[in-house]
Amino acid sequence: MNMNSAYLAAILAFSMWGLFPIYWKFFPEIKAWDLFAHRLVWSFLTLILILKYKGQLNSLKKIWVNKRTRYMLMISAILISTNWLLYIYAISINQILEASMGYFLNPLINVFLGWLLLKEKIRRGQWPAILLGIGAVIMIGFQSGITHFPWIALTLSLTFATYGLIRKLAHVGSLEGLAFETTFILLPTLIIWMFRPENPMTIFTVLPSWKIFILSLAGLITCAPLILFAYGAKRLPFGTLGFFGYLSPILKFVCGWLIFKEELGQDRIQAFILIWLALVWYSAESILNRSKKIN
């Protein structure tokens, strides 16, 4: 029963992450920065309430007094905030397809960063997948020119991969870590928000009440897949979890292409084909390597 619920939790988590573009598209009246700030504020409030309910508010103090953990989570806070802001910006300018490209690249970037920074070995059979992913980015740069280079995809994948790397090394629970990150980044965000020409409170006069209610759910929508993911991650093999992870960029791709009718140019099609080939190669190599170890 636990395994079945773990499978369901993982599928729901990655599906929610993949369908996020639909949620953010509900608010065309709001600029990317304001949506990001709302997401941060509501996430902060939701996380604090969850930790209060679980009796774990003291965990924020424990993180603060540990110098190494504190500084690591300050860096991870900047990375995840950059990722959130850029992701919402990509959706607002109709670049969901490019955002999905970034998350398709993420598993390959993870392996590369592990090799570069953690001295983890890259198996000979994994290199073709990594080189195919790099080739896709270079190809699209040559074909599109510097103005249409996939900066959004590359920045999203790099910030998220580096964020994951730091969080792996920090050894902090997912909810406590995210609560500390949102707390750290909240004050500078509010200060910038207050000095922007648009008054942040005008949102409540522009939006109908039902949209204000949906916007207030941003914190719950941010935290729910994280809780589901944490539940599934504790009970499922890492390889299975990685396989489910492809659900998120696939659904983002579907959102951009089929739901919001973004143009899929020839250069983008070729890049996606290379990336998908890389992921198929990487997945097949991982499965073969695990089967050899079992045998």
Protein backbone atom coordinates (compact mmCIF):
# COMPACT_ATOMS: atom_id res chain seq x y z
CA MET A 1 0.00 0.00 0.00
CA ASN A 2 2.87 2.38 0.88
CA MET A 3 4.52 1.76 -2.51
CA ASN A 4 1.26 2.46 -4.35
CA SER A 5 0.78 5.71 -2.46
CA ALA A 6 4.45 6.61 -3.09
CA TYR A 7 3.98 6.10 -6.85
CA LEU A 8 0.85 8.25 -6.76
CA ALA A 9 2.59 10.96 -4.73
CA ALA A 10 5.53 11.14 -7.16
CA ILE A 11 3.26 11.24 -10.21
CA LEU A 12 1.11 13.98 -8.65
CA ALA A 13 4.17 16.03 -7.63
CA PHE A 14 5.78 16.02 -11.08
CA SER A 15 2.40 16.52 -12.79
CA MET A 16 1.70 19.60 -10.67
CA TRP A 17 5.13 21.04 -11.49
CA GLY A 18 4.49 20.31 -15.17
CA LEU A 19 1.10 22.04 -15.17
CA PHE A 20 2.27 25.17 -13.32
CA PRO A 21 2.20 27.26 -16.56
CA ILE A 22 -1.60 26.98 -16.62
CA TYR A 23 -1.78 28.46 -13.11
CA TRP A 24 0.52 31.41 -13.84
CA LYS A 25 -1.31 32.12 -17.12
CA PHE A 26 -4.39 32.95 -15.04
CA PHE A 27 -2.86 36.36 -14.29
CA PRO A 28 -1.99 38.20 -17.54
CA GLU A 29 -2.72 41.51 -15.76
CA ILE A 30 0.19 41.00 -13.34
CA LYS A 31 3.83 41.47 -14.28
CA ALA A 32 6.36 38.69 -13.68
CA TRP A 33 8.06 40.43 -10.73
CA ASP A 34 4.74 40.96 -8.92
CA LEU A 35 3.73 37.33 -9.49
CA PHE A 36 7.11 36.19 -8.17
CA ALA A 37 6.75 38.41 -5.08
CA HIS A 38 3.24 37.06 -4.42
CA ARG A 39 4.50 33.50 -4.79
CA LEU A 40 7.27 34.22 -2.31
CA VAL A 41 5.00 35.91 0.26
CA TRP A 42 2.28 33.25 0.12
CA SER A 43 4.87 30.45 0.18
CA PHE A 44 6.50 32.00 3.25
CA LEU A 45 3.16 32.22 5.09
CA THR A 46 2.16 28.66 4.08
CA LEU A 47 5.51 27.16 5.12
CA ILE A 48 5.52 28.96 8.48
CA LEU A 49 2.00 27.67 9.19
CA ILE A 50 3.02 24.10 8.25
CA LEU A 51 6.11 24.24 10.47
CA LYS A 52 4.05 25.74 13.29
CA TYR A 53 1.50 22.94 12.95
CA LYS A 54 4.28 20.32 12.98
CA GLY A 55 6.01 21.99 15.92
CA GLN A 56 9.17 22.53 13.88
CA LEU A 57 9.54 26.33 13.85
CA ASN A 58 12.65 25.90 15.97
CA SER A 59 14.32 24.27 12.94
CA LEU A 60 14.79 27.75 11.40
CA LYS A 61 16.83 28.81 14.43
CA LYS A 62 18.91 25.64 14.20
CA ILE A 63 19.68 26.40 10.57
CA TRP A 64 20.67 29.98 11.44
CA VAL A 65 23.11 29.03 14.22
CA ASN A 66 24.88 26.50 11.99
CA LYS A 67 27.22 28.78 10.02
CA ARG A 68 27.91 26.32 7.19
CA THR A 69 24.23 25.46 6.67
CA ARG A 70 23.18 29.12 6.97
CA TYR A 71 25.50 30.32 4.21
CA MET A 72 24.69 27.37 1.96
CA LEU A 73 20.96 28.05 2.22
CA MET A 74 21.50 31.76 1.61
CA ILE A 75 23.12 30.85 -1.71
CA SER A 76 20.41 28.30 -2.50
CA ALA A 77 17.77 30.97 -1.68
CA ILE A 78 19.23 33.27 -4.34
CA LEU A 79 19.35 30.41 -6.84
CA ILE A 80 15.76 29.22 -6.31
CA SER A 81 14.47 32.82 -6.32
CA THR A 82 16.24 33.47 -9.62
CA ASN A 83 14.75 30.24 -10.97
CA TRP A 84 11.22 31.12 -9.84
CA LEU A 85 11.42 34.66 -11.23
CA LEU A 86 12.85 33.56 -14.59
CA TYR A 87 10.33 30.75 -14.91
CA ILE A 88 7.38 33.08 -14.31
CA TYR A 89 8.94 35.62 -16.71
CA ALA A 90 9.30 32.91 -19.40
CA ILE A 91 5.60 32.05 -19.05
CA SER A 92 4.59 35.72 -19.20
CA ILE A 93 6.46 36.26 -22.51
CA ASN A 94 5.16 33.00 -24.03
CA GLN A 95 8.40 31.03 -23.76
CA ILE A 96 7.02 27.93 -22.03
CA LEU A 97 8.64 25.69 -24.65
CA GLU A 98 12.06 27.13 -23.86
CA ALA A 99 11.40 26.70 -20.14
CA SER A 100 10.53 23.04 -20.76
CA MET A 101 13.80 22.67 -22.69
CA GLY A 102 15.67 23.83 -19.59
CA TYR A 103 14.02 21.18 -17.41
CA PHE A 104 14.62 18.48 -20.03
CA LEU A 105 18.32 19.40 -19.84
CA ASN A 106 18.33 19.26 -16.04
CA PRO A 107 19.19 15.53 -15.55
CA LEU A 108 22.19 15.91 -17.88
CA ILE A 109 23.33 19.11 -16.13
CA ASN A 110 23.03 17.29 -12.77
CA VAL A 111 25.37 14.52 -13.94
CA PHE A 112 27.84 17.04 -15.38
CA LEU A 113 27.91 19.18 -12.21
CA GLY A 114 28.35 16.07 -10.06
CA TRP A 115 31.41 15.17 -12.15
CA LEU A 116 32.76 18.74 -12.17
CA LEU A 117 32.21 19.70 -8.53
CA LEU A 118 31.74 16.48 -6.55
CA LYS A 119 34.27 14.38 -8.47
CA GLU A 120 31.57 11.83 -9.23
CA LYS A 121 32.47 9.48 -12.06
CA ILE A 122 30.72 9.76 -15.40
CA ARG A 123 30.51 6.35 -17.00
CA ARG A 124 31.79 6.07 -20.55
CA GLY A 125 28.27 5.30 -21.75
CA GLN A 126 26.91 8.53 -20.23
CA TRP A 127 29.17 10.90 -22.17
CA PRO A 128 27.27 10.63 -25.50
CA ALA A 129 24.06 11.77 -23.72
CA ILE A 130 25.82 14.76 -22.15
CA LEU A 131 27.48 15.72 -25.44
CA LEU A 132 24.16 15.46 -27.29
CA GLY A 133 22.59 17.87 -24.75
CA ILE A 134 25.48 20.33 -25.11
CA GLY A 135 25.27 19.96 -28.89
CA ALA A 136 21.57 20.86 -28.85
CA VAL A 137 22.29 24.16 -27.06
CA ILE A 138 25.24 25.02 -29.35
CA MET A 139 23.23 24.14 -32.46
CA ILE A 140 20.31 26.35 -31.49
CA GLY A 141 22.76 29.19 -30.77
CA PHE A 142 24.33 28.93 -34.23
CA GLN A 143 20.97 28.65 -35.97
CA SER A 144 19.17 31.41 -34.07
CA GLY A 145 21.97 33.89 -33.43
CA ILE A 146 22.90 35.51 -30.14
CA THR A 147 19.54 37.31 -29.77
CA HIS A 148 17.62 34.02 -29.77
CA PHE A 149 20.15 31.91 -27.91
CA PRO A 150 18.25 29.75 -25.35
CA TRP A 151 19.40 31.76 -22.31
CA ILE A 152 16.19 31.07 -20.42
CA ALA A 153 16.50 27.28 -20.85
CA LEU A 154 20.17 27.27 -19.91
CA THR A 155 19.75 29.56 -16.89
CA LEU A 156 16.74 27.61 -15.59
CA SER A 157 18.59 24.30 -15.84
CA LEU A 158 21.81 25.66 -14.31
CA THR A 159 20.13 27.47 -11.40
CA PHE A 160 17.91 24.48 -10.57
CA ALA A 161 20.74 21.95 -10.88
CA THR A 162 23.07 24.06 -8.73
CA TYR A 163 20.25 24.59 -6.23
CA GLY A 164 19.73 20.83 -6.02
CA LEU A 165 23.46 20.29 -5.56
CA ILE A 166 23.66 22.75 -2.65
CA ARG A 167 20.54 21.34 -0.99
CA LYS A 168 22.02 17.85 -1.28
CA LEU A 169 25.16 19.00 0.52
CA ALA A 170 23.28 21.05 3.15
CA HIS A 171 21.46 18.01 4.64
CA VAL A 172 18.32 19.98 5.55
CA GLY A 173 14.70 18.81 5.26
CA SER A 174 12.83 20.06 2.20
CA LEU A 175 10.18 22.07 4.08
CA GLU A 176 12.54 23.54 6.69
CA GLY A 177 15.07 24.44 4.00
CA LEU A 178 12.51 26.14 1.77
CA ALA A 179 11.06 28.00 4.78
CA PHE A 180 14.53 29.37 5.61
CA GLU A 181 15.15 30.30 1.96
CA THR A 182 11.85 32.19 1.62
CA THR A 183 12.45 33.93 4.97
CA PHE A 184 15.94 35.02 3.87
CA ILE A 185 14.82 36.36 0.48
CA LEU A 186 11.53 37.89 1.72
CA LEU A 187 12.84 41.21 3.12
CA PRO A 188 14.91 42.29 0.08
CA THR A 189 12.01 41.28 -2.18
CA LEU A 190 9.53 43.39 -0.18
CA ILE A 191 11.93 46.37 -0.20
CA ILE A 192 12.32 46.17 -4.00
CA TRP A 193 8.56 45.68 -4.35
CA MET A 194 7.79 48.81 -2.33
CA PHE A 195 10.13 50.96 -4.44
CA ARG A 196 8.69 49.83 -7.76
CA PRO A 197 6.48 52.39 -9.58
CA GLU A 198 3.44 50.11 -9.29
CA ASN A 199 1.96 49.87 -5.81
CA PRO A 200 1.76 46.16 -4.92
CA MET A 201 -1.61 46.72 -3.24
CA THR A 202 -3.24 47.88 -6.52
CA ILE A 203 -3.44 44.20 -7.51
CA PHE A 204 -6.32 43.83 -5.05
CA THR A 205 -8.26 46.58 -6.80
CA VAL A 206 -7.52 45.34 -10.33
CA LEU A 207 -8.26 41.63 -9.88
CA PRO A 208 -11.74 40.18 -9.27
CA SER A 209 -12.19 38.49 -5.91
CA TRP A 210 -12.05 34.95 -7.36
CA LYS A 211 -8.64 35.67 -8.93
CA ILE A 212 -7.35 37.11 -5.65
CA PHE A 213 -8.40 33.86 -3.97
CA ILE A 214 -6.60 31.76 -6.61
CA LEU A 215 -3.49 33.96 -6.27
CA SER A 216 -3.54 33.46 -2.50
CA LEU A 217 -3.19 29.71 -3.18
CA ALA A 218 0.28 30.28 -4.70
CA GLY A 219 1.95 29.21 -1.45
CA LEU A 220 -0.09 26.01 -1.16
CA ILE A 221 0.47 25.22 -4.85
CA THR A 222 4.22 25.74 -4.36
CA CYS A 223 4.39 23.57 -1.21
CA ALA A 224 1.99 20.74 -2.15
CA PRO A 225 4.19 19.09 -4.83
CA LEU A 226 7.21 19.51 -2.56
CA ILE A 227 5.46 17.58 0.24
CA LEU A 228 4.28 14.91 -2.20
CA PHE A 229 7.77 14.63 -3.69
CA ALA A 230 9.35 14.25 -0.25
CA TYR A 231 6.87 11.47 0.58
CA GLY A 232 7.58 9.62 -2.68
CA ALA A 233 11.36 10.16 -2.50
CA LYS A 234 11.58 8.39 0.87
CA ARG A 235 9.83 5.27 -0.42
CA LEU A 236 10.83 4.90 -4.09
CA PRO A 237 14.14 3.87 -5.68
CA PHE A 238 16.12 6.86 -6.99
CA GLY A 239 15.98 5.53 -10.57
CA THR A 240 12.18 5.28 -10.46
CA LEU A 241 11.95 8.79 -9.11
CA GLY A 242 14.22 10.05 -11.90
CA PHE A 243 12.00 8.37 -14.50
CA PHE A 244 8.90 10.12 -13.12
CA GLY A 245 10.88 13.37 -13.21
CA TYR A 246 10.47 13.53 -17.00
CA LEU A 247 6.73 14.08 -16.46
CA SER A 248 7.32 17.72 -15.51
CA PRO A 249 9.12 18.94 -18.67
CA ILE A 250 6.87 16.78 -20.88
CA LEU A 251 3.76 18.46 -19.45
CA LYS A 252 5.40 21.89 -19.74
CA PHE A 253 6.10 21.12 -23.40
CA VAL A 254 2.46 20.06 -23.93
CA CYS A 255 1.26 23.26 -22.22
CA GLY A 256 3.41 25.49 -24.43
CA TRP A 257 2.82 23.71 -27.72
CA LEU A 258 -0.74 22.38 -27.57
CA ILE A 259 -2.52 24.53 -24.97
CA PHE A 260 -0.94 27.95 -25.47
CA LYS A 261 -0.02 27.42 -29.15
CA GLU A 262 3.58 28.62 -28.94
CA GLU A 263 5.46 28.40 -32.23
CA LEU A 264 7.80 25.43 -32.49
CA GLY A 265 10.34 26.54 -35.09
CA GLN A 266 12.63 24.24 -37.06
CA ASP A 267 15.63 25.07 -34.86
CA ARG A 268 13.63 24.29 -31.70
CA ILE A 269 12.36 20.99 -33.13
CA GLN A 270 15.91 19.89 -33.96
CA ALA A 271 17.16 20.91 -30.51
CA PHE A 272 14.34 19.04 -28.76
CA ILE A 273 15.02 15.91 -30.85
CA LEU A 274 18.69 15.98 -29.80
CA ILE A 275 17.76 16.49 -26.13
CA TRP A 276 15.18 13.69 -26.21
CA LEU A 277 17.71 11.37 -27.87
CA ALA A 278 20.16 12.28 -25.10
CA LEU A 279 17.59 11.46 -22.41
CA VAL A 280 16.65 8.15 -24.05
CA TRP A 281 20.36 7.24 -24.25
CA TYR A 282 20.96 8.32 -20.65
CA SER A 283 17.93 6.37 -19.36
CA ALA A 284 18.81 3.22 -21.32
CA GLU A 285 22.43 3.37 -20.13
CA SER A 286 21.31 3.77 -16.51
CA ILE A 287 18.91 0.81 -16.77
CA LEU A 288 21.60 -1.39 -18.36
CA ASN A 289 24.15 -0.39 -15.71
CA ARG A 290 21.73 -1.24 -12.87
CA SER A 291 20.86 -4.60 -14.45
CA LYS A 292 24.58 -5.49 -14.71
CA LYS A 293 25.04 -4.75 -11.00
CA ILE A 294 22.04 -6.89 -10.07
CA ASN A 295 23.28 -9.79 -12.20
